[in-house]
Protein backbone atom coordinates (compact mmCIF):
# COMPACT_ATOMS: atom_id res chain seq x y z
CA UNK A 1 -18.91 -10.96 -14.39
CA UNK A 2 -16.47 -12.65 -11.99
CA UNK A 3 -13.54 -10.26 -11.98
CA UNK A 4 -12.97 -10.29 -15.74
CA UNK A 5 -14.55 -6.98 -16.58
CA UNK A 6 -12.26 -4.86 -14.43
CA UNK A 7 -13.71 -1.54 -15.56
CA UNK A 8 -16.91 -2.18 -13.59
CA UNK A 9 -15.79 -4.39 -10.71
CA UNK A 10 -15.11 -1.52 -8.29
CA UNK A 11 -18.07 0.70 -9.13
CA UNK A 12 -19.88 1.63 -5.92
CA UNK A 13 -17.38 -0.18 -3.69
CA UNK A 14 -15.94 1.44 -0.59
CA UNK A 15 -12.16 1.07 -0.48
CA UNK A 16 -10.13 1.96 2.61
CA UNK A 17 -6.56 3.00 1.77
CA UNK A 18 -3.89 3.76 4.36
CA UNK A 19 -0.94 6.00 3.59
CA UNK A 20 -3.29 7.71 1.14
CA UNK A 21 -1.96 11.24 1.47
CA UNK A 22 1.01 10.56 -0.77
CA UNK A 23 2.56 8.21 -3.31
CA UNK A 24 1.04 4.84 -4.12
CA UNK A 25 -1.87 5.24 -1.69
CA UNK A 26 -2.91 8.55 -3.19
CA UNK A 27 -2.58 7.23 -6.74
CA UNK A 28 -4.68 4.19 -5.84
CA UNK A 29 -7.38 6.38 -4.32
CA UNK A 30 -7.51 8.53 -7.45
CA UNK A 31 -7.67 5.52 -9.78
CA UNK A 32 -10.34 3.85 -7.64
CA UNK A 33 -12.49 6.98 -7.79
CA UNK A 34 -12.09 7.07 -11.58
CA UNK A 35 -13.49 3.53 -11.64
CA UNK A 36 -16.54 4.56 -9.66
CA UNK A 37 -15.39 3.44 -6.21
CA UNK A 38 -15.66 5.44 -2.98
CA UNK A 39 -12.16 5.74 -1.55
CA UNK A 40 -11.65 6.36 2.15
CA UNK A 41 -8.22 7.87 2.76
CA UNK A 42 -6.31 7.18 5.99
CA UNK A 43 -3.02 8.73 7.07
CA UNK A 44 -1.25 10.69 9.78
CA UNK A 45 -1.13 13.99 7.88
CA UNK A 46 -4.63 15.47 8.02
CA UNK A 47 -3.71 18.33 5.68
CA UNK A 48 -2.34 15.97 3.03
CA UNK A 49 -5.46 13.81 3.29
CA UNK A 50 -7.74 16.82 2.88
CA UNK A 51 -5.79 18.01 -0.14
CA UNK A 52 -5.85 14.52 -1.68
CA UNK A 53 -9.58 14.04 -1.05
CA UNK A 54 -10.42 17.42 -2.57
CA UNK A 55 -8.31 16.65 -5.62
CA UNK A 56 -9.90 13.25 -6.09
CA UNK A 57 -13.49 14.37 -5.52
CA UNK A 58 -16.30 11.91 -6.12
CA UNK A 59 -17.11 11.38 -2.47
CA UNK A 60 -13.55 10.65 -1.36
CA UNK A 61 -13.24 11.08 2.40
CA UNK A 62 -10.21 11.39 4.68
CA UNK A 63 -9.66 10.18 8.25
CA UNK A 64 -6.52 11.08 10.19
CA UNK A 65 -5.23 7.84 11.71
CA UNK A 66 -2.03 6.34 13.09
CA UNK A 67 -1.82 2.66 12.12
CA UNK A 68 0.30 1.91 15.20
CA UNK A 69 -2.41 3.18 17.60
CA UNK A 70 -4.70 0.18 17.87
CA UNK A 71 -7.35 1.83 20.05
CA UNK A 72 -7.68 4.89 17.81
CA UNK A 73 -7.60 2.71 14.70
CA UNK A 74 -10.52 0.65 15.98
CA UNK A 75 -12.52 3.84 16.42
CA UNK A 76 -11.61 4.99 12.91
CA UNK A 77 -12.87 1.79 11.31
CA UNK A 78 -16.02 1.93 13.42
CA UNK A 79 -16.64 5.43 12.06
CA UNK A 80 -15.99 4.29 8.48
CA UNK A 81 -18.52 1.48 8.75
CA UNK A 82 -18.93 -1.41 6.29
CA UNK A 83 -16.45 -1.46 3.41
CA UNK A 84 -15.37 -3.72 0.57
CA UNK A 85 -11.58 -3.59 0.14
CA UNK A 86 -8.53 -2.62 2.19
CA UNK A 87 -5.17 -1.43 0.80
CA UNK A 88 -2.43 -0.83 3.38
CA UNK A 89 0.28 1.52 2.08
CA UNK A 90 1.39 3.33 5.23
CA UNK A 91 5.06 3.05 6.17
CA UNK A 92 8.13 5.11 7.02
CA UNK A 93 11.60 4.89 5.49
CA UNK A 94 14.83 4.05 7.28
CA UNK A 95 18.12 3.18 5.55
CA UNK A 96 21.49 2.64 7.24
CA UNK A 97 24.37 0.13 7.16
CA UNK A 98 23.67 -2.80 9.47
CA UNK A 99 26.50 -1.94 11.86
CA UNK A 100 25.10 1.58 12.24
CA UNK A 101 21.42 0.74 12.66
CA UNK A 102 19.62 2.28 15.60
CA UNK A 103 17.64 -0.57 17.16
CA UNK A 104 14.87 1.73 18.28
CA UNK A 105 14.39 3.12 14.79
CA UNK A 106 14.36 -0.40 13.32
CA UNK A 107 11.62 -1.37 15.77
CA UNK A 108 9.68 1.78 14.89
CA UNK A 109 10.01 0.97 11.19
CA UNK A 110 8.78 -2.60 11.67
CA UNK A 111 6.02 -1.33 13.96
CA UNK A 112 4.62 0.77 11.12
CA UNK A 113 5.44 -1.37 8.09
CA UNK A 114 4.45 -4.78 9.51
CA UNK A 115 2.37 -4.25 12.63
CA UNK A 116 0.59 -1.25 11.09
CA UNK A 117 -0.76 -3.49 8.34
CA UNK A 118 -1.60 -6.25 10.83
CA UNK A 119 -3.43 -3.69 12.98
CA UNK A 120 -5.48 -2.42 10.05
CA UNK A 121 -6.66 -5.91 9.13
CA UNK A 122 -7.62 -6.61 12.74
CA UNK A 123 -9.41 -3.28 13.13
CA UNK A 124 -11.32 -3.61 9.86
CA UNK A 125 -12.20 -7.28 10.02
CA UNK A 126 -15.58 -6.80 11.65
CA UNK A 127 -16.84 -4.44 8.94
CA UNK A 128 -15.02 -5.81 5.87
CA UNK A 129 -17.33 -7.52 3.37
CA UNK A 130 -16.93 -11.30 3.21
CA UNK A 131 -16.80 -10.87 -0.57
CA UNK A 132 -14.05 -8.29 -0.24
CA UNK A 133 -10.28 -8.33 -0.17
CA UNK A 134 -7.16 -7.11 1.56
CA UNK A 135 -4.04 -5.93 -0.30
CA UNK A 136 -0.95 -5.68 1.88
CA UNK A 137 2.18 -3.91 0.61
CA UNK A 138 5.65 -5.43 0.90
CA UNK A 139 8.47 -4.52 -1.50
CA UNK A 140 11.35 -5.96 -3.51
CA UNK A 141 14.05 -5.43 -0.88
CA UNK A 142 13.43 -8.70 0.95
CA UNK A 143 14.32 -10.72 -2.17
CA UNK A 144 16.81 -8.35 -3.79
CA UNK A 145 19.25 -7.47 -1.04
CA UNK A 146 20.98 -4.09 -1.12
CA UNK A 147 23.26 -2.40 1.41
CA UNK A 148 21.47 -0.43 4.08
CA UNK A 149 18.08 -2.07 3.66
CA UNK A 150 17.91 -4.60 6.50
CA UNK A 151 14.76 -3.01 8.04
CA UNK A 152 12.95 -3.34 4.71
CA UNK A 153 14.08 -6.95 4.28
CA UNK A 154 12.77 -7.89 7.73
CA UNK A 155 9.41 -6.20 7.39
CA UNK A 156 8.71 -7.06 3.75
CA UNK A 157 9.39 -10.77 4.23
CA UNK A 158 7.06 -10.82 7.21
CA UNK A 159 4.32 -8.96 5.31
CA UNK A 160 4.41 -11.51 2.50
CA UNK A 161 4.19 -14.38 4.98
CA UNK A 162 1.30 -12.61 6.69
CA UNK A 163 -0.56 -12.28 3.40
CA UNK A 164 -0.26 -15.98 2.61
CA UNK A 165 -1.37 -17.02 6.09
CA UNK A 166 -4.31 -14.60 6.16
CA UNK A 167 -5.47 -15.82 2.74
CA UNK A 168 -6.14 -19.19 4.38
CA UNK A 169 -7.26 -17.83 7.75
CA UNK A 170 -9.75 -15.21 6.58
CA UNK A 171 -11.44 -17.06 3.72
CA UNK A 172 -13.66 -16.20 1.90
CA UNK A 173 -12.03 -12.77 2.22
CA UNK A 174 -9.11 -12.75 -0.23
CA UNK A 175 -5.69 -11.52 0.89
CA UNK A 176 -2.77 -10.72 -1.40
CA UNK A 177 0.45 -8.71 -1.22
CA UNK A 178 1.71 -6.11 -3.65
CA UNK A 179 5.50 -5.95 -3.95
CA UNK A 180 6.55 -2.68 -5.61
CA UNK A 181 10.02 -2.11 -6.97
CA UNK A 182 11.62 1.30 -7.38
CA UNK A 183 8.60 3.60 -7.53
CA UNK A 184 9.33 7.30 -7.99
CA UNK A 185 7.58 9.10 -5.16
CA UNK A 186 10.42 11.58 -4.67
CA UNK A 187 9.44 14.44 -6.96
CA UNK A 188 8.52 16.72 -4.06
CA UNK A 189 11.32 15.49 -1.78
CA UNK A 190 14.38 15.98 -3.99
CA UNK A 191 15.73 19.05 -5.72
CA UNK A 192 15.24 18.88 -9.53
CA UNK A 193 18.83 17.89 -10.36
CA UNK A 194 18.91 15.17 -7.73
CA UNK A 195 15.56 13.88 -8.93
CA UNK A 196 16.75 13.71 -12.55
CA UNK A 197 19.84 11.77 -11.48
CA UNK A 198 17.70 9.37 -9.47
CA UNK A 199 15.40 8.68 -12.41
CA UNK A 200 18.33 8.22 -14.78
CA UNK A 201 20.13 5.80 -12.46
CA UNK A 202 17.00 3.71 -11.92
CA UNK A 203 16.23 3.67 -15.64
CA UNK A 204 19.70 2.33 -16.40
CA UNK A 205 19.25 -0.51 -13.89
CA UNK A 206 15.90 -1.85 -15.14
CA UNK A 207 14.92 -3.80 -18.27
CA UNK A 208 11.98 -1.42 -18.81
CA UNK A 209 14.38 1.56 -18.87
CA UNK A 210 12.38 3.73 -16.48
CA UNK A 211 11.48 3.94 -12.79
CA UNK A 212 8.01 2.94 -11.73
CA UNK A 213 5.33 5.55 -11.19
CA UNK A 214 2.82 5.47 -8.31
CA UNK A 215 0.12 4.78 -10.90
CA UNK A 216 1.88 1.54 -11.93
CA UNK A 217 1.62 0.17 -8.41
CA UNK A 218 -1.90 1.56 -7.97
CA UNK A 219 -3.10 -0.21 -11.11
CA UNK A 220 -1.70 -3.51 -9.80
CA UNK A 221 -3.32 -3.02 -6.38
CA UNK A 222 -6.72 -2.50 -7.95
CA UNK A 223 -6.23 -5.61 -10.10
CA UNK A 224 -5.79 -7.62 -6.91
CA UNK A 225 -9.11 -6.24 -5.67
CA UNK A 226 -10.93 -6.87 -8.95
CA UNK A 227 -9.80 -10.38 -9.78
CA UNK A 228 -11.75 -12.70 -7.51
CA UNK A 229 -9.64 -15.75 -8.37
CA UNK A 230 -6.35 -14.32 -7.09
CA UNK A 231 -5.66 -15.18 -3.45
CA UNK A 232 -2.57 -15.66 -1.31
CA UNK A 233 -0.30 -14.23 -4.02
CA UNK A 234 2.58 -11.77 -4.04
CA UNK A 235 2.42 -9.58 -7.15
CA UNK A 236 5.76 -8.06 -8.17
CA UNK A 237 5.56 -4.67 -9.87
CA UNK A 238 9.23 -3.92 -10.24
CA UNK A 239 10.08 -3.40 -13.91
CA UNK A 240 11.89 -6.74 -14.05
CA UNK A 241 14.22 -5.94 -11.14
CA UNK A 242 14.13 -9.53 -9.88
């Protein structure tokens, strides 16, 4: 069937996922494996990738890769070989008031968040199936401004524009963008009390009364791979934050 029977659409497909050692990328790799796909995990942290791949099982494989290193990235995709879908989750975080921003750190952030995704598409283009897809990852902070988030606003807006342009440029390969809202990936980075306060504050701010989980965004990313009639779209997964 043409993308309507989602439970079988990814069976046997090879899916390359960057930023797969943690958060949304790791959740997407796990869900893809549950649907019979073969996830290939990319990230800078080789230990995290190995742990994730072992936990996922089912032929999941990890490759240490820096998405800002174009030469090394080309070699990584050559080693991976032909694949069916690409999901680009790798990025770093940088918050600060505009007047206090460090220009070098802003450039580094954009280098990873925007150019890292651009680099992955370029590196994988020669081995990506013409019936496949690319899912870029932006985020709600380019349309819902908040103090201290200028780097996110810059990069996310550019990623969404890139997705729309590539959808026309790379046809028949489909290209979409996933725009997550407040996804809770902080359980192992906050002390328990701080984490509870974070979840409570987010829950109070959203119509759905809870923060997003990595699995929420992962489910949406796989939908964009499965549905062959969705192209050039930005899919918001933000609990109604807009």
